[in-house]
Amino acid sequence: MLYNPKWDTRPILDQWIDWLETKDPDEKYEWSSIPECACGQYFGEGWQSINGTSRLNAIARGFKSVTDRADHTFGQCLVRAKQVRDNPWW
């Protein structure tokens, strides 16, 4: 599914969480590859220019080291996204 911001007026984080919930939680993504990362798979090509995606990219990267690939599953990404949504101080 490619994202078009005109389709949904909810906050971008909520929209992304809804999509993450449809993914296999054990499926891995390649954070360092723009088309294969969680954001790239949701938004499609050119997602870096969409307002608000830098925050989502940080969530997809994980709160630990970029090299900690155990964090790069859709299930772990969903957990982090919900933490950020539920704790606005993050």
N, C-alpha and C. Protein backbone atom coordinates (compact mmCIF):
# COMPACT_ATOMS: atom_id res chain seq x y z
N MET A 1 0.84 -1.17 0.00
CA MET A 1 0.00 0.00 0.00
C MET A 1 0.89 1.23 0.00
N LEU A 2 0.65 2.13 -0.88
CA LEU A 2 1.37 3.39 -0.88
C LEU A 2 0.52 4.44 -0.19
N TYR A 3 1.18 5.38 0.43
CA TYR A 3 0.52 6.39 1.23
C TYR A 3 0.27 7.66 0.43
N ASN A 4 -0.90 8.21 0.56
CA ASN A 4 -1.21 9.52 0.02
C ASN A 4 -1.79 10.33 1.16
N PRO A 5 -1.11 11.40 1.59
CA PRO A 5 -1.57 12.14 2.78
C PRO A 5 -2.98 12.70 2.66
N LYS A 6 -3.51 12.82 1.47
CA LYS A 6 -4.87 13.35 1.29
C LYS A 6 -5.93 12.33 1.69
N TRP A 7 -5.57 11.07 1.80
CA TRP A 7 -6.54 10.02 2.09
C TRP A 7 -6.99 9.99 3.55
N ASP A 8 -6.16 10.45 4.42
CA ASP A 8 -6.44 10.28 5.84
C ASP A 8 -5.98 11.53 6.58
N THR A 9 -6.82 12.04 7.44
CA THR A 9 -6.48 13.26 8.15
C THR A 9 -6.00 13.00 9.58
N ARG A 10 -5.93 11.74 9.98
CA ARG A 10 -5.42 11.42 11.31
C ARG A 10 -3.92 11.69 11.36
N PRO A 11 -3.35 11.82 12.57
CA PRO A 11 -1.90 12.01 12.67
C PRO A 11 -1.15 10.89 11.95
N ILE A 12 -0.04 11.23 11.34
CA ILE A 12 0.73 10.28 10.54
C ILE A 12 1.17 9.08 11.37
N LEU A 13 1.48 9.31 12.64
CA LEU A 13 1.90 8.20 13.50
C LEU A 13 0.77 7.19 13.69
N ASP A 14 -0.45 7.67 13.88
CA ASP A 14 -1.60 6.77 14.03
C ASP A 14 -1.85 5.95 12.76
N GLN A 15 -1.70 6.59 11.62
CA GLN A 15 -1.89 5.89 10.36
C GLN A 15 -0.85 4.79 10.19
N TRP A 16 0.39 5.11 10.54
CA TRP A 16 1.48 4.14 10.41
C TRP A 16 1.29 2.96 11.37
N ILE A 17 0.85 3.26 12.59
CA ILE A 17 0.57 2.20 13.57
C ILE A 17 -0.49 1.25 13.03
N ASP A 18 -1.55 1.79 12.45
CA ASP A 18 -2.59 0.93 11.86
C ASP A 18 -1.99 -0.01 10.82
N TRP A 19 -1.11 0.50 9.98
CA TRP A 19 -0.48 -0.33 8.96
C TRP A 19 0.46 -1.36 9.60
N LEU A 20 1.24 -0.95 10.58
CA LEU A 20 2.15 -1.89 11.25
C LEU A 20 1.38 -3.06 11.87
N GLU A 21 0.18 -2.79 12.34
CA GLU A 21 -0.63 -3.85 12.94
C GLU A 21 -1.05 -4.91 11.92
N THR A 22 -0.98 -4.60 10.66
CA THR A 22 -1.34 -5.58 9.62
C THR A 22 -0.15 -6.47 9.22
N LYS A 23 1.03 -6.11 9.65
CA LYS A 23 2.24 -6.83 9.25
C LYS A 23 2.51 -7.99 10.20
N ASP A 24 3.19 -9.01 9.70
CA ASP A 24 3.64 -10.13 10.52
C ASP A 24 4.65 -9.59 11.53
N PRO A 25 4.38 -9.72 12.82
CA PRO A 25 5.28 -9.14 13.81
C PRO A 25 6.70 -9.71 13.79
N ASP A 26 6.86 -10.91 13.27
CA ASP A 26 8.19 -11.52 13.20
C ASP A 26 8.95 -11.18 11.92
N GLU A 27 8.26 -10.56 10.97
CA GLU A 27 8.91 -10.23 9.70
C GLU A 27 9.94 -9.12 9.92
N LYS A 28 11.11 -9.32 9.35
CA LYS A 28 12.19 -8.34 9.46
C LYS A 28 12.15 -7.38 8.28
N TYR A 29 12.69 -6.19 8.51
CA TYR A 29 12.88 -5.23 7.44
C TYR A 29 14.32 -4.73 7.51
N GLU A 30 14.79 -4.19 6.41
CA GLU A 30 16.16 -3.70 6.33
C GLU A 30 16.14 -2.19 6.50
N TRP A 31 16.44 -1.74 7.72
CA TRP A 31 16.33 -0.32 8.03
C TRP A 31 17.25 0.54 7.15
N SER A 32 18.41 0.04 6.79
CA SER A 32 19.37 0.86 6.05
C SER A 32 19.09 0.92 4.56
N SER A 33 18.05 0.27 4.09
CA SER A 33 17.69 0.29 2.67
C SER A 33 16.37 1.05 2.52
N ILE A 34 16.42 2.18 1.85
CA ILE A 34 15.24 3.05 1.75
C ILE A 34 13.99 2.32 1.26
N PRO A 35 14.05 1.52 0.19
CA PRO A 35 12.80 0.85 -0.24
C PRO A 35 12.40 -0.34 0.62
N GLU A 36 13.33 -0.88 1.42
CA GLU A 36 13.03 -2.07 2.22
C GLU A 36 12.81 -1.77 3.70
N CYS A 37 12.97 -0.51 4.09
CA CYS A 37 12.75 -0.18 5.50
C CYS A 37 11.24 -0.10 5.77
N ALA A 38 10.88 0.01 7.02
CA ALA A 38 9.46 0.06 7.38
C ALA A 38 8.77 1.28 6.76
N CYS A 39 9.45 2.41 6.77
CA CYS A 39 8.85 3.62 6.18
C CYS A 39 8.72 3.48 4.67
N GLY A 40 9.75 2.98 4.02
CA GLY A 40 9.74 2.82 2.58
C GLY A 40 8.67 1.86 2.11
N GLN A 41 8.45 0.79 2.89
CA GLN A 41 7.42 -0.18 2.51
C GLN A 41 6.02 0.42 2.66
N TYR A 42 5.85 1.32 3.59
CA TYR A 42 4.53 1.93 3.79
C TYR A 42 4.28 3.10 2.83
N PHE A 43 5.25 4.02 2.77
CA PHE A 43 5.05 5.24 2.01
C PHE A 43 5.44 5.14 0.54
N GLY A 44 6.32 4.22 0.21
CA GLY A 44 6.81 4.14 -1.16
C GLY A 44 7.98 5.09 -1.40
N GLU A 45 8.35 5.21 -2.63
CA GLU A 45 9.50 6.04 -3.01
C GLU A 45 9.26 7.50 -2.66
N GLY A 46 10.30 8.17 -2.21
CA GLY A 46 10.21 9.59 -1.90
C GLY A 46 9.64 9.90 -0.53
N TRP A 47 9.55 8.90 0.34
CA TRP A 47 8.92 9.12 1.64
C TRP A 47 9.67 10.11 2.50
N GLN A 48 10.97 10.30 2.26
CA GLN A 48 11.76 11.20 3.10
C GLN A 48 11.27 12.65 3.02
N SER A 49 10.58 13.00 1.95
CA SER A 49 10.10 14.38 1.80
C SER A 49 8.72 14.60 2.43
N ILE A 50 8.11 13.57 2.97
CA ILE A 50 6.80 13.70 3.61
C ILE A 50 6.99 14.21 5.03
N ASN A 51 6.28 15.24 5.39
CA ASN A 51 6.40 15.85 6.72
C ASN A 51 6.07 14.84 7.82
N GLY A 52 6.95 14.71 8.79
CA GLY A 52 6.72 13.83 9.93
C GLY A 52 7.38 12.48 9.83
N THR A 53 7.95 12.15 8.68
CA THR A 53 8.51 10.81 8.54
C THR A 53 9.87 10.65 9.20
N SER A 54 10.57 11.74 9.50
CA SER A 54 11.86 11.58 10.18
C SER A 54 11.65 10.98 11.57
N ARG A 55 10.57 11.33 12.22
CA ARG A 55 10.24 10.75 13.52
C ARG A 55 9.94 9.25 13.37
N LEU A 56 9.19 8.90 12.34
CA LEU A 56 8.86 7.50 12.10
C LEU A 56 10.12 6.72 11.76
N ASN A 57 11.02 7.32 11.01
CA ASN A 57 12.26 6.65 10.66
C ASN A 57 13.09 6.37 11.91
N ALA A 58 13.10 7.29 12.86
CA ALA A 58 13.82 7.07 14.11
C ALA A 58 13.18 5.90 14.89
N ILE A 59 11.87 5.81 14.86
CA ILE A 59 11.18 4.69 15.51
C ILE A 59 11.56 3.38 14.82
N ALA A 60 11.57 3.39 13.49
CA ALA A 60 11.92 2.18 12.73
C ALA A 60 13.37 1.77 12.99
N ARG A 61 14.26 2.74 13.13
CA ARG A 61 15.66 2.45 13.42
C ARG A 61 15.80 1.74 14.76
N GLY A 62 15.01 2.16 15.71
CA GLY A 62 15.09 1.59 17.05
C GLY A 62 15.79 2.54 17.99
N PHE A 63 15.58 2.34 19.24
CA PHE A 63 16.13 3.26 20.24
C PHE A 63 17.53 2.86 20.67
N LYS A 64 17.99 1.72 20.19
CA LYS A 64 19.33 1.25 20.49
C LYS A 64 20.23 1.57 19.31
N SER A 65 21.23 0.80 19.14
CA SER A 65 22.16 0.99 18.03
C SER A 65 21.52 0.57 16.71
N VAL A 66 21.89 1.26 15.65
CA VAL A 66 21.41 0.92 14.31
C VAL A 66 21.81 -0.51 13.95
N THR A 67 22.91 -0.97 14.50
CA THR A 67 23.40 -2.30 14.16
C THR A 67 22.66 -3.41 14.90
N ASP A 68 21.78 -3.07 15.83
CA ASP A 68 21.02 -4.07 16.57
C ASP A 68 19.82 -4.49 15.72
N ARG A 69 20.06 -5.41 14.80
CA ARG A 69 19.03 -5.81 13.85
C ARG A 69 17.88 -6.59 14.50
N ALA A 70 18.04 -7.01 15.73
CA ALA A 70 16.93 -7.69 16.42
C ALA A 70 15.75 -6.74 16.59
N ASP A 71 16.02 -5.44 16.60
CA ASP A 71 14.97 -4.44 16.72
C ASP A 71 14.23 -4.19 15.41
N HIS A 72 14.72 -4.75 14.33
CA HIS A 72 14.17 -4.45 13.01
C HIS A 72 13.15 -5.49 12.55
N THR A 73 12.15 -5.71 13.40
CA THR A 73 10.99 -6.51 13.01
C THR A 73 9.78 -5.58 13.10
N PHE A 74 8.75 -5.92 12.34
CA PHE A 74 7.55 -5.08 12.38
C PHE A 74 6.90 -5.10 13.76
N GLY A 75 7.01 -6.21 14.47
CA GLY A 75 6.45 -6.28 15.82
C GLY A 75 7.15 -5.34 16.77
N GLN A 76 8.48 -5.32 16.74
CA GLN A 76 9.24 -4.41 17.61
C GLN A 76 9.00 -2.96 17.21
N CYS A 77 8.90 -2.71 15.92
CA CYS A 77 8.62 -1.36 15.44
C CYS A 77 7.25 -0.89 15.93
N LEU A 78 6.27 -1.77 15.90
CA LEU A 78 4.93 -1.44 16.38
C LEU A 78 4.96 -1.10 17.86
N VAL A 79 5.68 -1.87 18.64
CA VAL A 79 5.79 -1.60 20.08
C VAL A 79 6.39 -0.21 20.31
N ARG A 80 7.47 0.10 19.59
CA ARG A 80 8.11 1.41 19.75
C ARG A 80 7.17 2.53 19.31
N ALA A 81 6.47 2.33 18.20
CA ALA A 81 5.55 3.36 17.70
C ALA A 81 4.44 3.65 18.72
N LYS A 82 3.91 2.62 19.33
CA LYS A 82 2.87 2.81 20.35
C LYS A 82 3.43 3.49 21.59
N GLN A 83 4.69 3.19 21.94
CA GLN A 83 5.32 3.86 23.08
C GLN A 83 5.43 5.35 22.82
N VAL A 84 5.84 5.71 21.64
CA VAL A 84 5.98 7.13 21.30
C VAL A 84 4.61 7.80 21.29
N ARG A 85 3.61 7.14 20.71
CA ARG A 85 2.26 7.71 20.67
C ARG A 85 1.71 7.93 22.09
N ASP A 86 1.93 6.94 22.96
CA ASP A 86 1.35 6.98 24.29
C ASP A 86 2.16 7.81 25.29
N ASN A 87 3.38 8.16 24.92
CA ASN A 87 4.25 8.95 25.79
C ASN A 87 4.79 10.13 24.99
N PRO A 88 4.03 11.20 24.90
CA PRO A 88 4.40 12.32 24.02
C PRO A 88 5.73 12.96 24.37
N TRP A 89 6.27 12.72 25.54
CA TRP A 89 7.56 13.31 25.91
C TRP A 89 8.71 12.67 25.17
N TRP A 90 8.46 11.57 24.41
CA TRP A 90 9.53 10.94 23.64
C TRP A 90 9.77 11.67 22.37
